Amino acid sequence: MSLTLYFLIPGIIAFAWKNWRRAYVVMIATILIDFDHVLASPIYDPAQCSIGFYLLHTQPAIALYAALVIPRKTRLVGVGLLVHMALDGLDCLV
């Protein structure tokens, strides 16, 4: 899937917040979650589905990201992480 979507979709969602620029930056920062790829071998395999393979892309981690949406202080991070996981999941289907 195009890397563009990892920047475009959070941008669209960010408009739901009053301070949409801050919301966009926080959601884009969640791309850093892909640093878990350096812990895996191979680091990146285009034929490999990230969901369930990389440490921070597992079901328990995704459940934690969903829980981050509940408190107001962590909501943007949680939304950004869930959007990232959703895009990775779509990438697995394509």
N, C-alpha and C. Protein backbone atom coordinates (compact mmCIF):
# COMPACT_ATOMS: atom_id res chain seq x y z
N MET A 1 0.86 -1.17 0.00
CA MET A 1 0.00 0.00 0.00
C MET A 1 0.90 1.23 0.00
N SER A 2 0.42 2.27 -0.56
CA SER A 2 1.19 3.48 -0.70
C SER A 2 1.49 4.13 0.65
N LEU A 3 2.73 4.53 0.82
CA LEU A 3 3.14 5.23 2.04
C LEU A 3 2.39 6.55 2.19
N THR A 4 1.89 7.07 1.10
CA THR A 4 1.13 8.32 1.11
C THR A 4 -0.08 8.23 2.03
N LEU A 5 -0.71 7.07 2.07
CA LEU A 5 -1.91 6.92 2.91
C LEU A 5 -1.58 7.08 4.40
N TYR A 6 -0.36 6.73 4.81
CA TYR A 6 0.04 6.87 6.20
C TYR A 6 0.15 8.34 6.62
N PHE A 7 0.20 9.24 5.64
CA PHE A 7 0.21 10.67 5.91
C PHE A 7 -1.13 11.32 5.58
N LEU A 8 -1.81 10.81 4.58
CA LEU A 8 -3.07 11.40 4.13
C LEU A 8 -4.23 11.10 5.09
N ILE A 9 -4.40 9.86 5.48
CA ILE A 9 -5.54 9.47 6.34
C ILE A 9 -5.49 10.18 7.70
N PRO A 10 -4.33 10.20 8.40
CA PRO A 10 -4.30 10.98 9.65
C PRO A 10 -4.60 12.46 9.43
N GLY A 11 -4.20 12.99 8.28
CA GLY A 11 -4.49 14.39 7.98
C GLY A 11 -5.98 14.63 7.87
N ILE A 12 -6.67 13.72 7.25
CA ILE A 12 -8.13 13.84 7.12
C ILE A 12 -8.80 13.72 8.49
N ILE A 13 -8.36 12.75 9.27
CA ILE A 13 -8.94 12.54 10.61
C ILE A 13 -8.64 13.71 11.53
N ALA A 14 -7.48 14.34 11.38
CA ALA A 14 -7.06 15.44 12.26
C ALA A 14 -8.04 16.61 12.24
N PHE A 15 -8.77 16.78 11.15
CA PHE A 15 -9.72 17.89 11.07
C PHE A 15 -10.87 17.76 12.06
N ALA A 16 -11.02 16.62 12.70
CA ALA A 16 -12.06 16.45 13.71
C ALA A 16 -11.68 17.15 15.03
N TRP A 17 -10.42 17.51 15.17
CA TRP A 17 -9.95 18.17 16.39
C TRP A 17 -9.87 19.67 16.18
N LYS A 18 -10.09 20.42 17.27
CA LYS A 18 -10.02 21.88 17.21
C LYS A 18 -8.63 22.33 16.77
N ASN A 19 -7.60 21.79 17.40
CA ASN A 19 -6.22 22.10 17.04
C ASN A 19 -5.74 21.01 16.07
N TRP A 20 -6.20 21.08 14.83
CA TRP A 20 -5.96 20.00 13.88
C TRP A 20 -4.49 19.84 13.52
N ARG A 21 -3.71 20.92 13.58
CA ARG A 21 -2.27 20.79 13.25
C ARG A 21 -1.56 19.93 14.29
N ARG A 22 -1.84 20.19 15.55
CA ARG A 22 -1.24 19.39 16.63
C ARG A 22 -1.70 17.93 16.50
N ALA A 23 -2.98 17.75 16.24
CA ALA A 23 -3.51 16.39 16.09
C ALA A 23 -2.81 15.66 14.96
N TYR A 24 -2.58 16.34 13.87
CA TYR A 24 -1.90 15.73 12.72
C TYR A 24 -0.47 15.33 13.08
N VAL A 25 0.26 16.23 13.74
CA VAL A 25 1.65 15.93 14.11
C VAL A 25 1.72 14.74 15.05
N VAL A 26 0.83 14.70 16.03
CA VAL A 26 0.83 13.58 16.98
C VAL A 26 0.52 12.27 16.26
N MET A 27 -0.48 12.28 15.39
CA MET A 27 -0.83 11.05 14.68
C MET A 27 0.26 10.61 13.71
N ILE A 28 0.93 11.56 13.09
CA ILE A 28 2.04 11.21 12.20
C ILE A 28 3.21 10.64 13.01
N ALA A 29 3.40 11.14 14.20
CA ALA A 29 4.49 10.65 15.06
C ALA A 29 4.31 9.17 15.41
N THR A 30 3.10 8.68 15.33
CA THR A 30 2.89 7.26 15.65
C THR A 30 3.50 6.33 14.61
N ILE A 31 3.98 6.87 13.51
CA ILE A 31 4.71 6.06 12.52
C ILE A 31 5.97 5.47 13.17
N LEU A 32 6.44 6.12 14.23
CA LEU A 32 7.62 5.62 14.93
C LEU A 32 7.43 4.21 15.47
N ILE A 33 6.21 3.75 15.54
CA ILE A 33 5.95 2.40 16.01
C ILE A 33 6.60 1.36 15.11
N ASP A 34 6.91 1.74 13.90
CA ASP A 34 7.55 0.81 12.97
C ASP A 34 9.01 0.53 13.32
N PHE A 35 9.52 1.16 14.37
CA PHE A 35 10.88 0.83 14.82
C PHE A 35 10.97 -0.61 15.32
N ASP A 36 9.82 -1.23 15.61
CA ASP A 36 9.86 -2.63 16.02
C ASP A 36 10.32 -3.54 14.88
N HIS A 37 10.37 -3.03 13.68
CA HIS A 37 10.82 -3.82 12.54
C HIS A 37 12.30 -4.19 12.69
N VAL A 38 13.08 -3.36 13.37
CA VAL A 38 14.51 -3.67 13.51
C VAL A 38 14.75 -4.86 14.44
N LEU A 39 13.75 -5.24 15.21
CA LEU A 39 13.87 -6.40 16.10
C LEU A 39 13.57 -7.71 15.40
N ALA A 40 13.06 -7.64 14.19
CA ALA A 40 12.63 -8.84 13.46
C ALA A 40 13.63 -9.18 12.36
N SER A 41 13.54 -10.40 11.94
CA SER A 41 14.37 -10.84 10.82
C SER A 41 13.45 -11.53 9.81
N PRO A 42 13.33 -11.04 8.62
CA PRO A 42 13.99 -9.86 8.05
C PRO A 42 13.36 -8.58 8.59
N ILE A 43 14.08 -7.48 8.48
CA ILE A 43 13.58 -6.19 8.96
C ILE A 43 12.33 -5.80 8.18
N TYR A 44 12.34 -6.02 6.89
CA TYR A 44 11.16 -5.72 6.08
C TYR A 44 11.06 -6.74 4.97
N ASP A 45 9.89 -7.28 4.83
CA ASP A 45 9.61 -8.23 3.75
C ASP A 45 8.26 -7.82 3.15
N PRO A 46 8.26 -7.34 1.90
CA PRO A 46 7.00 -6.87 1.32
C PRO A 46 5.91 -7.93 1.24
N ALA A 47 6.30 -9.20 1.28
CA ALA A 47 5.31 -10.28 1.23
C ALA A 47 4.81 -10.66 2.62
N GLN A 48 5.40 -10.09 3.67
CA GLN A 48 5.06 -10.42 5.06
C GLN A 48 3.99 -9.47 5.58
N CYS A 49 2.95 -10.00 6.20
CA CYS A 49 1.93 -9.17 6.84
C CYS A 49 2.48 -8.69 8.18
N SER A 50 2.47 -7.38 8.41
CA SER A 50 3.02 -6.87 9.66
C SER A 50 2.18 -7.21 10.88
N ILE A 51 0.86 -7.30 10.69
CA ILE A 51 -0.02 -7.59 11.82
C ILE A 51 0.26 -9.00 12.31
N GLY A 52 0.63 -9.08 13.58
CA GLY A 52 0.94 -10.37 14.18
C GLY A 52 2.38 -10.81 14.00
N PHE A 53 3.15 -10.12 13.18
CA PHE A 53 4.54 -10.51 12.96
C PHE A 53 5.50 -9.67 13.79
N TYR A 54 5.34 -8.37 13.74
CA TYR A 54 6.22 -7.48 14.50
C TYR A 54 5.65 -7.30 15.91
N LEU A 55 6.55 -7.13 16.87
CA LEU A 55 6.19 -7.08 18.28
C LEU A 55 5.08 -6.06 18.60
N LEU A 56 5.19 -4.87 18.07
CA LEU A 56 4.21 -3.82 18.37
C LEU A 56 3.02 -3.83 17.41
N HIS A 57 2.91 -4.89 16.62
CA HIS A 57 1.79 -5.05 15.69
C HIS A 57 0.97 -6.30 16.04
N THR A 58 1.05 -6.74 17.29
CA THR A 58 0.33 -7.94 17.73
C THR A 58 -1.05 -7.56 18.28
N GLN A 59 -1.89 -8.56 18.44
CA GLN A 59 -3.25 -8.32 18.95
C GLN A 59 -3.25 -7.68 20.34
N PRO A 60 -2.40 -8.14 21.30
CA PRO A 60 -2.40 -7.47 22.61
C PRO A 60 -1.98 -6.01 22.51
N ALA A 61 -1.02 -5.72 21.66
CA ALA A 61 -0.59 -4.33 21.48
C ALA A 61 -1.72 -3.49 20.89
N ILE A 62 -2.42 -4.04 19.92
CA ILE A 62 -3.54 -3.31 19.30
C ILE A 62 -4.65 -3.06 20.31
N ALA A 63 -4.88 -4.01 21.21
CA ALA A 63 -5.87 -3.81 22.28
C ALA A 63 -5.45 -2.66 23.19
N LEU A 64 -4.16 -2.56 23.48
CA LEU A 64 -3.64 -1.45 24.27
C LEU A 64 -3.85 -0.12 23.54
N TYR A 65 -3.63 -0.11 22.24
CA TYR A 65 -3.83 1.12 21.45
C TYR A 65 -5.29 1.54 21.50
N ALA A 66 -6.18 0.56 21.46
CA ALA A 66 -7.62 0.87 21.56
C ALA A 66 -7.94 1.47 22.93
N ALA A 67 -7.29 0.97 23.98
CA ALA A 67 -7.51 1.50 25.33
C ALA A 67 -6.97 2.93 25.45
N LEU A 68 -5.95 3.27 24.66
CA LEU A 68 -5.40 4.63 24.70
C LEU A 68 -6.39 5.67 24.17
N VAL A 69 -7.38 5.24 23.43
CA VAL A 69 -8.37 6.16 22.87
C VAL A 69 -9.32 6.68 23.96
N ILE A 70 -9.46 5.93 25.03
CA ILE A 70 -10.43 6.29 26.08
C ILE A 70 -10.03 7.55 26.85
N PRO A 71 -8.82 7.62 27.45
CA PRO A 71 -8.47 8.86 28.16
C PRO A 71 -8.20 10.00 27.17
N ARG A 72 -8.66 11.16 27.51
CA ARG A 72 -8.50 12.32 26.63
C ARG A 72 -7.03 12.63 26.34
N LYS A 73 -6.16 12.48 27.34
CA LYS A 73 -4.74 12.83 27.18
C LYS A 73 -4.01 11.92 26.19
N THR A 74 -4.46 10.70 26.01
CA THR A 74 -3.78 9.76 25.11
C THR A 74 -4.59 9.46 23.85
N ARG A 75 -5.70 10.13 23.70
CA ARG A 75 -6.62 9.82 22.59
C ARG A 75 -5.97 9.96 21.22
N LEU A 76 -5.25 11.04 20.98
CA LEU A 76 -4.63 11.23 19.66
C LEU A 76 -3.62 10.15 19.34
N VAL A 77 -2.83 9.76 20.34
CA VAL A 77 -1.86 8.70 20.14
C VAL A 77 -2.58 7.40 19.81
N GLY A 78 -3.63 7.11 20.57
CA GLY A 78 -4.40 5.89 20.33
C GLY A 78 -5.03 5.87 18.95
N VAL A 79 -5.60 6.98 18.54
CA VAL A 79 -6.21 7.05 17.21
C VAL A 79 -5.14 6.88 16.13
N GLY A 80 -4.02 7.57 16.30
CA GLY A 80 -2.93 7.45 15.33
C GLY A 80 -2.42 6.02 15.20
N LEU A 81 -2.26 5.35 16.34
CA LEU A 81 -1.79 3.95 16.31
C LEU A 81 -2.82 3.02 15.68
N LEU A 82 -4.09 3.24 15.98
CA LEU A 82 -5.13 2.39 15.39
C LEU A 82 -5.25 2.62 13.88
N VAL A 83 -5.10 3.86 13.45
CA VAL A 83 -5.12 4.15 12.01
C VAL A 83 -3.95 3.43 11.35
N HIS A 84 -2.78 3.51 11.97
CA HIS A 84 -1.60 2.83 11.43
C HIS A 84 -1.83 1.32 11.33
N MET A 85 -2.39 0.74 12.38
CA MET A 85 -2.66 -0.71 12.36
C MET A 85 -3.71 -1.06 11.30
N ALA A 86 -4.71 -0.21 11.14
CA ALA A 86 -5.72 -0.45 10.12
C ALA A 86 -5.11 -0.42 8.71
N LEU A 87 -4.24 0.54 8.48
CA LEU A 87 -3.58 0.62 7.18
C LEU A 87 -2.66 -0.58 6.95
N ASP A 88 -1.96 -1.00 8.02
CA ASP A 88 -1.12 -2.21 7.89
C ASP A 88 -2.00 -3.42 7.62
N GLY A 89 -3.15 -3.48 8.27
CA GLY A 89 -4.07 -4.59 8.03
C GLY A 89 -4.59 -4.61 6.61
N LEU A 90 -4.91 -3.43 6.08
CA LEU A 90 -5.34 -3.35 4.67
C LEU A 90 -4.22 -3.79 3.74
N ASP A 91 -3.01 -3.45 4.12
CA ASP A 91 -1.85 -3.84 3.32
C ASP A 91 -1.74 -5.36 3.27
N CYS A 92 -2.13 -6.03 4.33
CA CYS A 92 -2.09 -7.50 4.37
C CYS A 92 -3.12 -8.10 3.39
N LEU A 93 -4.22 -7.40 3.20
CA LEU A 93 -5.27 -7.90 2.32
C LEU A 93 -4.97 -7.68 0.84
N VAL A 94 -4.19 -6.65 0.57
CA VAL A 94 -3.92 -6.27 -0.83
C VAL A 94 -2.81 -7.11 -1.42
